[in-house]
Protein backbone atom coordinates (compact mmCIF):
# COMPACT_ATOMS: atom_id res chain seq x y z
CA MET A 1 0.00 0.00 0.00
CA ARG A 2 1.22 3.49 -0.93
CA ILE A 3 0.03 6.50 1.05
CA ALA A 4 0.23 10.14 -0.02
CA PHE A 5 0.28 12.60 2.88
CA ILE A 6 -0.86 15.85 1.28
CA LEU A 7 0.46 18.99 2.98
CA PHE A 8 0.00 22.68 2.20
CA ASN A 9 0.79 26.10 3.62
CA GLY A 10 -1.48 26.85 6.55
CA VAL A 11 -1.70 23.19 7.61
CA THR A 12 -2.22 22.31 11.27
CA PHE A 13 0.78 20.07 11.84
CA LEU A 14 -0.81 18.23 14.77
CA ASP A 15 -3.48 16.99 12.32
CA PHE A 16 -0.68 15.49 10.24
CA ILE A 17 1.76 14.34 12.95
CA GLY A 18 -0.90 12.69 15.13
CA PHE A 19 -1.96 10.58 12.15
CA TYR A 20 1.55 10.01 10.78
CA ASP A 21 3.09 8.90 14.08
CA VAL A 22 0.46 6.20 14.44
CA ILE A 23 -0.01 5.11 10.81
CA HIS A 24 3.71 4.58 10.14
CA ARG A 25 3.47 1.68 12.61
CA LEU A 26 1.61 -0.30 9.93
CA LYS A 27 5.12 -1.49 8.98
CA LEU A 28 5.19 -3.56 12.19
CA PHE A 29 2.54 -5.99 11.00
CA GLU A 30 2.82 -8.78 8.46
CA GLU A 31 -0.34 -7.70 6.64
CA THR A 32 0.96 -4.18 6.03
CA LYS A 33 4.75 -4.45 6.32
CA ASP A 34 5.21 -3.23 2.74
CA VAL A 35 3.35 0.05 3.28
CA SER A 36 5.18 3.10 1.96
CA TRP A 37 4.38 6.79 1.90
CA ASP A 38 5.38 10.14 0.53
CA ILE A 39 4.88 13.57 2.02
CA CYS A 40 3.45 15.50 -0.93
CA GLY A 41 2.82 19.15 -1.68
CA VAL A 42 2.84 21.74 -4.43
CA SER A 43 6.21 23.12 -3.30
CA ASP A 44 9.30 21.57 -1.72
CA GLU A 45 8.36 22.77 1.76
CA VAL A 46 5.25 23.90 3.60
CA SER A 47 4.67 26.01 6.71
CA ASP A 48 1.93 26.22 9.28
CA ASP A 49 0.46 29.50 10.55
CA LEU A 50 3.11 29.67 13.28
CA GLY A 51 6.05 29.44 10.86
CA LEU A 52 7.03 25.82 11.49
CA THR A 53 8.28 24.40 8.18
CA ILE A 54 8.60 20.85 6.89
CA LYS A 55 10.11 19.55 3.67
CA VAL A 56 8.04 17.42 1.32
CA ASP A 57 9.26 14.27 -0.44
CA LYS A 58 7.38 14.72 -3.70
CA VAL A 59 6.23 17.90 -5.38
CA LYS A 60 2.90 17.37 -7.16
CA PRO A 61 3.27 13.64 -7.83
CA ASP A 62 0.57 11.84 -9.79
CA LEU A 63 -1.82 10.97 -6.99
CA SER A 64 -3.50 8.22 -9.00
CA HIS A 65 -0.49 6.01 -8.19
CA TYR A 66 -1.36 5.82 -4.49
CA ASP A 67 -3.73 3.56 -2.57
CA MET A 68 -4.62 6.16 0.05
CA ILE A 69 -4.49 9.91 0.27
CA PHE A 70 -4.56 11.66 3.63
CA ILE A 71 -5.34 15.36 3.93
CA PRO A 72 -4.99 17.12 7.30
CA GLY A 73 -6.74 20.37 8.12
CA GLY A 74 -5.68 23.86 9.01
CA MET A 75 -6.63 27.44 8.26
CA GLY A 76 -5.06 27.09 4.82
CA THR A 77 -7.95 24.89 3.70
CA ARG A 78 -10.38 27.81 3.71
CA ASN A 79 -8.79 29.47 0.67
CA LEU A 80 -7.17 26.40 -0.85
CA ARG A 81 -10.55 24.85 -1.63
CA TYR A 82 -10.93 27.60 -4.26
CA ASP A 83 -7.44 27.11 -5.73
CA ASP A 84 -8.07 25.48 -9.13
CA GLU A 85 -4.50 24.25 -9.56
CA PHE A 86 -4.43 22.56 -6.14
CA ILE A 87 -7.89 21.02 -6.47
CA THR A 88 -7.13 19.75 -9.99
CA TRP A 89 -4.06 18.02 -8.53
CA ILE A 90 -6.17 16.43 -5.75
CA LYS A 91 -8.69 15.20 -8.33
CA GLN A 92 -5.99 12.87 -9.69
CA ALA A 93 -6.81 10.68 -6.68
CA GLU A 94 -10.39 10.06 -7.82
CA ARG A 95 -9.87 6.30 -8.21
CA VAL A 96 -7.59 5.89 -5.18
CA ARG A 97 -8.82 3.16 -2.83
CA TYR A 98 -9.11 5.35 0.29
CA HIS A 99 -9.77 9.09 0.67
CA VAL A 100 -8.95 10.08 4.26
CA SER A 101 -9.02 13.45 6.00
CA VAL A 102 -9.02 14.91 9.47
CA CYS A 103 -10.39 18.25 10.58
CA THR A 104 -10.88 20.69 7.71
CA GLY A 105 -8.98 18.48 5.28
CA SER A 106 -12.48 17.27 4.41
CA LEU A 107 -13.15 20.65 2.78
CA LEU A 108 -10.42 19.87 0.25
CA LEU A 109 -11.83 16.40 -0.41
CA GLY A 110 -15.18 18.10 -0.87
CA ALA A 111 -13.82 20.70 -3.27
CA ALA A 112 -12.36 17.84 -5.33
CA GLY A 113 -15.82 16.23 -5.52
CA PHE A 114 -14.98 13.18 -3.39
CA LEU A 115 -17.77 13.84 -0.87
CA ARG A 116 -20.58 13.99 -3.40
CA ASN A 117 -23.47 11.80 -2.16
CA LYS A 118 -21.41 10.85 0.92
CA LYS A 119 -21.71 11.43 4.64
CA ALA A 120 -18.74 13.04 6.34
CA THR A 121 -17.46 14.96 9.34
CA THR A 122 -14.94 17.68 10.10
CA HIS A 123 -13.97 20.01 12.94
CA PRO A 124 -17.17 20.81 14.89
CA GLY A 125 -16.61 24.54 14.35
CA VAL A 126 -16.96 24.28 10.57
CA TYR A 127 -19.81 21.86 9.95
CA ASP A 128 -21.49 24.68 8.01
CA LEU A 129 -18.53 24.92 5.59
CA LEU A 130 -18.63 21.16 4.94
CA ALA A 131 -22.39 20.92 4.36
CA PRO A 132 -22.43 22.08 0.69
CA TYR A 133 -19.96 19.33 -0.29
CA CYS A 134 -21.66 16.21 1.10
CA SER A 135 -25.08 14.62 1.47
CA GLU A 136 -24.95 14.89 5.27
CA VAL A 137 -22.58 16.23 7.91
CA ILE A 138 -22.52 13.85 10.86
CA ALA A 139 -21.59 15.46 14.18
CA THR A 140 -19.16 12.79 15.36
CA ARG A 141 -15.43 11.99 15.45
CA ILE A 142 -15.01 9.46 12.62
CA VAL A 143 -17.25 8.67 9.65
CA LYS A 144 -16.60 5.91 7.12
CA ASP A 145 -18.77 6.03 4.01
CA GLY A 146 -17.44 3.54 1.50
CA ASN A 147 -13.87 4.49 0.62
CA LEU A 148 -14.20 7.88 2.34
CA ILE A 149 -13.00 8.15 5.94
CA THR A 150 -13.24 11.57 7.59
CA GLY A 151 -12.23 12.63 11.08
CA GLY A 152 -13.32 15.47 13.35
CA GLY A 153 -11.11 18.03 15.06
CA VAL A 154 -7.37 18.01 15.56
CA SER A 155 -7.04 15.40 18.30
CA THR A 156 -9.10 12.96 16.26
CA SER A 157 -6.04 12.34 14.08
CA ILE A 158 -4.70 9.70 16.50
CA ASP A 159 -8.00 7.81 16.71
CA LEU A 160 -8.42 8.06 12.94
CA ALA A 161 -5.05 6.37 12.37
CA LEU A 162 -5.89 3.69 14.94
CA TYR A 163 -9.20 3.12 13.14
CA ILE A 164 -7.34 2.60 9.87
CA ILE A 165 -4.91 0.18 11.52
CA GLU A 166 -7.89 -1.85 12.71
CA LEU A 167 -9.40 -1.67 9.21
CA LEU A 168 -6.20 -2.84 7.48
CA VAL A 169 -4.85 -5.22 10.16
CA ASN A 170 -6.99 -6.01 13.23
CA LYS A 171 -7.91 -4.98 16.79
CA ASP A 172 -4.85 -6.69 18.25
CA ALA A 173 -2.64 -4.40 16.16
CA VAL A 174 -4.47 -1.40 17.59
CA THR A 175 -3.79 -2.64 21.13
CA ILE A 176 -0.09 -3.00 20.35
CA VAL A 177 0.16 0.51 18.89
CA LYS A 178 -1.76 2.05 21.79
CA GLN A 179 0.70 0.45 24.20
CA GLN A 180 3.65 1.79 22.19
CA ILE A 181 2.37 5.36 22.26
CA ASP A 182 1.02 5.10 25.84
CA TYR A 183 -2.49 5.93 24.63
CA PRO A 184 -5.08 4.80 27.20
CA TYR A 185 -8.16 6.20 25.41
CA GLU A 186 -10.86 4.29 23.57
CA MET A 187 -12.12 5.35 20.16
CA GLN A 188 -15.54 6.86 20.35
CA GLY A 189 -17.96 8.42 17.93
CA VAL A 190 -17.20 6.04 15.03
CA ILE A 191 -19.99 5.79 12.47
CA GLU A 192 -19.83 3.44 9.48
CA VAL A 193 -22.45 4.25 6.86
């Protein structure tokens, strides 16, 4: 499995890092030991609103070559959803097996048309911004509707990655990862449509 982590200026890095730190542990399990990923963007580095900068691995790769795309949120999503060049790039992932977002990353999936006739969630403070893109906004932490998996606010990124580990491996793998990261919390608010 190949994963594209899609970053942009104005990203909330905790959205990304919470997910990344957990999901990279897929390599520990026989079923997913061959997983690989690229940190992708439209430039060779991206910054959050506080000035923290991270380098990307691939600048505008063909997203159709991945099995999963993951888009975190952040204030940058508000304007980026109207950026034709960026959204056209995201649309390359139309046939990708899994479309995954946390927080306002769902707005970018929506702008690319991936939420059409789907149920989804996002940060509770922006349900109104998500509503035009999907059939229904569900006020919860994680929503899986077919190949679309959306997560709520920032801290949901850890549970979202654990959910995907359970989806791709099993519950025992989730227990192992939770022990590694000293995470005593149980996933809640998971809705599968």
